């Protein structure tokens, strides 16, 4: 039993919270592993137990439903693919909402629509708990290194309580009310998509002109355009990972969420629109599950087949 109320004490300072993780895929599983290594008691579940066996061997307490995870935890972390995944994990007799109590803070690290997140936050408040949206910038390597950028929307007091937990995963910043963390994440991901696309275009142009592709890659990444993201992904362009750090399918989902949000605000997103078209081509060519770095291959194949992007 905790000796200090979670309503008033910053978590991790005068009490050690129990953590729950719903969604033990690439990102959620890496987060659970890092928190276990930091000494937290971690409960978790996934649609398939097989993916969690290594975590269970490392001390994770397995549960069969999101409700059970929420009921066992002070802080519930979710890492889910989209709006449907969020709604599915939350709802029904086995859902997170059923397991919440006044002591629970739900921190959703997924990238979903701001509107869907705000609606869920209202449902969480009705259950007597608190919800924060906390999407992250970074992939599995950044989780393992504890260097994610975490953008948090929601109640400031709730943020103060969970900040020590989030600092195990990276650098959190409270940016505003519910949904605002997601708006900022979508703003970041526009640049992620557009930078990678522009880099792939330049690389293809230079290699088609006869330059050595490794030389071009090295010069481009060490030039003024070599952002940390491009430098991290450059090795993946010609040697793609077996499992995507961040898939083209998820990137397209995020760009479309950004465009939907922008439409509601009357904001033009011309480069996001073009990136969305290329991401649509990537899906048509069968690259949806490949890492973002595969945009170069998408353009290369389109050039071979003389496809146009519309």
Protein backbone atom coordinates (compact mmCIF):
# COMPACT_ATOMS: atom_id res chain seq x y z
CA UNK A 1 0.00 0.00 0.00
CA UNK A 2 1.32 3.45 -0.89
CA UNK A 3 1.90 5.72 2.08
CA UNK A 4 1.38 8.96 0.17
CA UNK A 5 -1.71 9.92 -1.81
CA UNK A 6 -1.26 9.77 -5.58
CA UNK A 7 -3.59 12.75 -5.81
CA UNK A 8 -1.00 15.05 -4.28
CA UNK A 9 2.43 13.45 -4.55
CA UNK A 10 4.62 13.49 -7.67
CA UNK A 11 5.01 9.87 -8.69
CA UNK A 12 8.49 8.48 -8.31
CA UNK A 13 9.49 11.02 -5.63
CA UNK A 14 7.62 10.01 -2.47
CA UNK A 15 6.07 6.83 -3.86
CA UNK A 16 6.93 4.28 -6.51
CA UNK A 17 3.98 3.78 -8.84
CA UNK A 18 2.96 0.50 -10.34
CA UNK A 19 3.00 0.75 -14.13
CA UNK A 20 0.64 -0.90 -16.58
CA UNK A 21 1.38 -1.18 -20.30
CA UNK A 22 -1.36 -2.05 -22.78
CA UNK A 23 0.08 -2.83 -26.20
CA UNK A 24 3.42 -4.63 -26.04
CA UNK A 25 4.42 -4.24 -29.68
CA UNK A 26 7.72 -2.74 -30.83
CA UNK A 27 7.29 0.55 -28.97
CA UNK A 28 5.18 -0.56 -26.02
CA UNK A 29 7.35 -3.62 -25.43
CA UNK A 30 10.53 -1.53 -25.49
CA UNK A 31 8.96 0.91 -23.01
CA UNK A 32 7.97 -1.91 -20.68
CA UNK A 33 11.49 -3.35 -20.84
CA UNK A 34 13.05 0.01 -19.99
CA UNK A 35 10.72 0.57 -17.05
CA UNK A 36 11.40 -2.94 -15.74
CA UNK A 37 15.14 -2.23 -15.95
CA UNK A 38 14.57 0.98 -13.98
CA UNK A 39 13.04 -1.03 -11.13
CA UNK A 40 9.34 -0.38 -11.64
CA UNK A 41 6.74 -3.07 -11.09
CA UNK A 42 5.20 -3.44 -14.55
CA UNK A 43 1.93 -5.11 -15.50
CA UNK A 44 0.97 -5.61 -19.12
CA UNK A 45 -1.00 -7.28 -21.86
CA UNK A 46 -0.98 -7.63 -25.61
CA UNK A 47 -3.32 -9.22 -28.13
CA UNK A 48 -0.89 -12.15 -28.32
CA UNK A 49 1.01 -13.37 -25.28
CA UNK A 50 3.79 -14.82 -27.46
CA UNK A 51 5.25 -11.36 -28.12
CA UNK A 52 5.49 -10.73 -24.38
CA UNK A 53 7.27 -13.91 -23.29
CA UNK A 54 10.67 -12.25 -22.98
CA UNK A 55 9.17 -9.43 -20.91
CA UNK A 56 7.37 -11.92 -18.68
CA UNK A 57 10.65 -13.73 -18.12
CA UNK A 58 12.12 -10.34 -17.16
CA UNK A 59 9.50 -9.69 -14.49
CA UNK A 60 6.43 -8.29 -16.26
CA UNK A 61 3.16 -9.35 -14.63
CA UNK A 62 0.94 -10.64 -17.44
CA UNK A 63 -2.81 -9.97 -17.57
CA UNK A 64 -5.37 -11.17 -20.06
CA UNK A 65 -7.33 -7.92 -20.48
CA UNK A 66 -6.76 -4.15 -20.49
CA UNK A 67 -9.21 -3.88 -17.59
CA UNK A 68 -7.02 -6.12 -15.41
CA UNK A 69 -3.93 -4.07 -16.27
CA UNK A 70 -5.67 -0.81 -15.37
CA UNK A 71 -7.02 -2.19 -12.10
CA UNK A 72 -3.51 -3.30 -11.05
CA UNK A 73 -1.74 -0.03 -11.94
CA UNK A 74 -1.27 3.52 -10.73
CA UNK A 75 -0.14 4.67 -14.18
CA UNK A 76 -1.43 3.02 -17.34
CA UNK A 77 0.60 3.51 -20.53
CA UNK A 78 -0.91 2.67 -23.90
CA UNK A 79 0.90 2.38 -27.22
CA UNK A 80 -1.71 1.62 -29.87
CA UNK A 81 -1.77 1.98 -33.66
CA UNK A 82 -4.80 4.18 -34.32
CA UNK A 83 -8.20 5.49 -33.20
CA UNK A 84 -9.81 2.06 -33.52
CA UNK A 85 -7.07 0.51 -31.42
CA UNK A 86 -7.60 3.13 -28.72
CA UNK A 87 -11.36 2.64 -28.67
CA UNK A 88 -11.00 -1.13 -28.62
CA UNK A 89 -8.59 -1.13 -25.68
CA UNK A 90 -10.74 1.30 -23.72
CA UNK A 91 -14.27 0.01 -24.19
CA UNK A 92 -16.39 -2.92 -23.08
CA UNK A 93 -16.35 -4.98 -19.89
CA UNK A 94 -12.69 -5.95 -20.46
CA UNK A 95 -11.58 -2.43 -21.41
CA UNK A 96 -9.35 0.07 -19.64
CA UNK A 97 -12.27 2.31 -18.64
CA UNK A 98 -13.78 -0.50 -16.55
CA UNK A 99 -10.55 -0.93 -14.57
CA UNK A 100 -9.89 2.74 -13.76
CA UNK A 101 -10.13 4.27 -10.31
CA UNK A 102 -9.50 7.71 -8.83
CA UNK A 103 -5.84 6.80 -8.24
CA UNK A 104 -5.21 6.01 -11.91
CA UNK A 105 -3.53 8.23 -14.47
CA UNK A 106 -3.83 6.96 -18.03
CA UNK A 107 -1.03 8.18 -20.30
CA UNK A 108 -1.74 7.42 -23.95
CA UNK A 109 1.48 7.43 -25.98
CA UNK A 110 -0.29 6.53 -29.22
CA UNK A 111 -0.62 8.86 -32.20
CA UNK A 112 -4.35 9.15 -32.74
CA UNK A 113 -6.64 11.98 -33.77
CA UNK A 114 -6.78 14.88 -31.29
CA UNK A 115 -10.59 14.77 -31.40
CA UNK A 116 -10.74 11.07 -30.52
CA UNK A 117 -8.29 11.60 -27.67
CA UNK A 118 -10.27 14.51 -26.23
CA UNK A 119 -13.45 12.45 -26.37
CA UNK A 120 -11.71 9.60 -24.55
CA UNK A 121 -10.38 12.02 -21.90
CA UNK A 122 -13.99 13.05 -21.16
CA UNK A 123 -14.94 9.39 -20.67
CA UNK A 124 -11.95 8.87 -18.39
CA UNK A 125 -12.92 11.87 -16.25
CA UNK A 126 -16.44 10.45 -15.98
CA UNK A 127 -14.86 7.27 -14.58
CA UNK A 128 -13.08 9.37 -11.93
CA UNK A 129 -9.58 9.07 -13.38
CA UNK A 130 -7.31 11.30 -15.48
CA UNK A 131 -6.03 10.91 -19.02
CA UNK A 132 -3.05 12.54 -20.71
CA UNK A 133 -2.17 12.33 -24.40
CA UNK A 134 1.59 11.88 -24.67
CA UNK A 135 2.64 10.98 -28.22
CA UNK A 136 6.34 10.46 -28.76
CA UNK A 137 8.87 11.42 -31.40
CA UNK A 138 11.40 8.66 -31.91
CA UNK A 139 11.49 4.94 -32.59
CA UNK A 140 12.63 1.80 -30.79
CA UNK A 141 16.31 2.87 -30.59
CA UNK A 142 15.27 6.07 -28.83
CA UNK A 143 13.07 4.14 -26.39
CA UNK A 144 15.98 1.87 -25.50
CA UNK A 145 18.28 4.86 -25.02
CA UNK A 146 15.67 6.85 -23.07
CA UNK A 147 15.82 9.74 -25.56
CA UNK A 148 12.26 10.01 -26.84
CA UNK A 149 10.71 13.45 -27.18
CA UNK A 150 7.35 13.26 -25.40
CA UNK A 151 4.65 15.91 -25.98
CA UNK A 152 2.01 15.86 -23.24
CA UNK A 153 -1.48 17.32 -23.27
CA UNK A 154 -3.86 17.36 -20.32
CA UNK A 155 -4.12 18.30 -16.67
CA UNK A 156 -0.93 19.94 -15.36
CA UNK A 157 -1.17 18.32 -11.91
CA UNK A 158 -1.51 14.88 -13.50
CA UNK A 159 1.53 15.62 -15.64
CA UNK A 160 3.54 16.50 -12.54
CA UNK A 161 2.61 13.15 -11.00
CA UNK A 162 3.75 11.06 -13.95
CA UNK A 163 6.72 13.16 -15.13
CA UNK A 164 9.32 10.97 -13.32
CA UNK A 165 7.97 7.89 -15.12
CA UNK A 166 8.06 9.62 -18.50
CA UNK A 167 11.63 10.80 -17.86
CA UNK A 168 12.71 7.16 -17.86
CA UNK A 169 11.64 7.10 -21.51
CA UNK A 170 12.87 10.49 -22.70
CA UNK A 171 12.28 14.20 -22.36
CA UNK A 172 8.63 15.05 -21.64
CA UNK A 173 7.15 18.52 -22.05
CA UNK A 174 3.68 19.59 -20.93
CA UNK A 175 2.35 21.57 -23.90
CA UNK A 176 -1.28 22.32 -23.04
CA UNK A 177 -4.75 20.87 -22.67
CA UNK A 178 -5.98 17.44 -23.76
CA UNK A 179 -5.30 16.88 -27.45
CA UNK A 180 -2.58 19.51 -27.72
CA UNK A 181 0.21 16.97 -27.38
CA UNK A 182 -1.21 15.17 -30.39
CA UNK A 183 -1.50 18.34 -32.45
CA UNK A 184 2.19 19.04 -31.83
CA UNK A 185 3.13 15.44 -32.67
CA UNK A 186 1.29 15.68 -35.99
CA UNK A 187 3.08 18.95 -36.70
CA UNK A 188 6.40 17.19 -36.11
CA UNK A 189 5.47 14.25 -38.32
CA UNK A 190 4.70 16.47 -41.29
CA UNK A 191 8.39 17.42 -41.29
CA UNK A 192 9.41 13.80 -40.76
CA UNK A 193 7.56 12.68 -43.88
CA UNK A 194 8.54 15.65 -46.04
CA UNK A 195 12.23 15.55 -45.03
CA UNK A 196 12.51 11.86 -45.82
CA UNK A 197 10.74 12.29 -49.14
CA UNK A 198 12.92 15.23 -50.21
CA UNK A 199 16.04 13.31 -49.17
CA UNK A 200 14.95 10.29 -51.21
CA UNK A 201 14.26 12.51 -54.23
CA UNK A 202 17.71 14.10 -54.09
CA UNK A 203 19.41 10.75 -53.60
CA UNK A 204 17.60 9.25 -56.59
CA UNK A 205 18.39 12.26 -58.77
CA UNK A 206 22.12 12.08 -58.00
CA UNK A 207 22.40 8.31 -58.42
CA UNK A 208 20.47 8.37 -61.71
CA UNK A 209 23.04 10.94 -62.94
CA UNK A 210 25.79 8.36 -62.36
CA UNK A 211 27.18 9.34 -58.94
CA UNK A 212 28.19 6.62 -56.50
CA UNK A 213 25.22 6.10 -54.20
CA UNK A 214 27.23 5.57 -51.00
CA UNK A 215 29.20 8.74 -51.71
CA UNK A 216 26.01 10.70 -52.33
CA UNK A 217 24.45 9.36 -49.14
CA UNK A 218 27.51 10.35 -47.10
CA UNK A 219 27.76 13.86 -48.55
CA UNK A 220 24.05 14.56 -48.19
CA UNK A 221 23.87 13.43 -44.56
CA UNK A 222 26.95 15.47 -43.58
CA UNK A 223 25.72 18.57 -45.41
CA UNK A 224 23.46 21.30 -44.04
CA UNK A 225 20.37 19.16 -44.68
CA UNK A 226 21.60 16.31 -42.46
CA UNK A 227 19.08 16.46 -39.61
CA UNK A 228 19.35 13.96 -36.74
CA UNK A 229 16.44 12.02 -38.24
CA UNK A 230 18.07 11.75 -41.66
CA UNK A 231 21.41 10.73 -40.16
CA UNK A 232 19.72 8.01 -38.10
CA UNK A 233 17.83 6.61 -41.09
CA UNK A 234 20.55 6.93 -43.73
CA UNK A 235 22.03 3.47 -42.95
CA UNK A 236 18.57 1.93 -43.48
CA UNK A 237 18.09 3.23 -47.02
CA UNK A 238 20.32 0.63 -48.71
CA UNK A 239 20.13 -1.93 -45.88
CA UNK A 240 16.51 -1.89 -44.64
CA UNK A 241 15.69 -3.44 -41.26
CA UNK A 242 13.71 -6.67 -41.11
CA UNK A 243 11.16 -4.90 -38.92
CA UNK A 244 10.29 -1.26 -39.54
CA UNK A 245 11.24 1.32 -36.94
CA UNK A 246 8.32 3.37 -38.20
CA UNK A 247 6.34 2.02 -41.13
CA UNK A 248 5.19 3.89 -44.21
CA UNK A 249 1.64 2.81 -43.35
CA UNK A 250 1.80 4.49 -39.94
CA UNK A 251 3.42 7.55 -41.50
CA UNK A 252 0.57 7.86 -43.96
CA UNK A 253 -1.94 7.54 -41.11
CA UNK A 254 -0.23 10.40 -39.26
CA UNK A 255 -0.03 12.65 -42.33
CA UNK A 256 -3.72 12.09 -42.98
CA UNK A 257 -4.51 12.91 -39.34
CA UNK A 258 -2.50 16.11 -39.73
CA UNK A 259 -4.40 17.01 -42.89
CA UNK A 260 -7.76 16.35 -41.22
CA UNK A 261 -6.75 18.53 -38.25
CA UNK A 262 -5.55 21.28 -40.60
CA UNK A 263 -8.82 21.20 -42.55
CA UNK A 264 -10.70 21.92 -39.34
CA UNK A 265 -8.43 24.87 -38.61
CA UNK A 266 -8.33 26.24 -42.15
CA UNK A 267 -4.57 25.68 -42.43
CA UNK A 268 -3.02 24.78 -45.82
CA UNK A 269 -0.50 21.90 -45.81
CA UNK A 270 0.85 21.75 -49.37
CA UNK A 271 3.94 19.64 -48.64
CA UNK A 272 1.95 17.24 -46.47
CA UNK A 273 -0.49 16.83 -49.36
CA UNK A 274 2.31 15.82 -51.73
CA UNK A 275 3.87 13.50 -49.16
CA UNK A 276 0.48 11.87 -48.68
CA UNK A 277 0.28 11.18 -52.42
CA UNK A 278 3.68 9.45 -52.41
CA UNK A 279 2.73 7.47 -49.31
CA UNK A 280 -0.39 6.36 -51.18
CA UNK A 281 1.85 5.19 -54.02
CA UNK A 282 3.98 3.31 -51.49
CA UNK A 283 0.91 1.42 -50.36
CA UNK A 284 -0.06 0.62 -53.95
CA UNK A 285 3.43 -0.77 -54.57
CA UNK A 286 3.31 -2.97 -51.47
CA UNK A 287 5.62 -0.96 -49.22
CA UNK A 288 3.11 -0.13 -46.48
CA UNK A 289 4.84 -2.30 -43.87
CA UNK A 290 8.35 -1.12 -44.72
CA UNK A 291 10.29 1.49 -42.78
CA UNK A 292 10.05 5.17 -43.69
CA UNK A 293 13.55 4.91 -45.18
CA UNK A 294 12.04 2.79 -47.98
CA UNK A 295 10.70 5.97 -49.61
CA UNK A 296 13.85 5.85 -51.74
CA UNK A 297 12.89 2.40 -53.04
CA UNK A 298 9.35 3.62 -53.70
CA UNK A 299 10.64 6.45 -55.89
CA UNK A 300 13.18 4.16 -57.53
CA UNK A 301 10.48 1.62 -58.44
CA UNK A 302 8.15 4.39 -59.62
CA UNK A 303 10.94 5.66 -61.89
CA UNK A 304 11.52 2.18 -63.32
CA UNK A 305 7.84 1.78 -64.01
CA UNK A 306 7.48 5.44 -65.04
CA UNK A 307 4.64 5.94 -62.58
CA UNK A 308 3.40 9.42 -61.77
CA UNK A 309 2.25 10.61 -58.36
CA UNK A 310 -1.20 12.17 -58.35
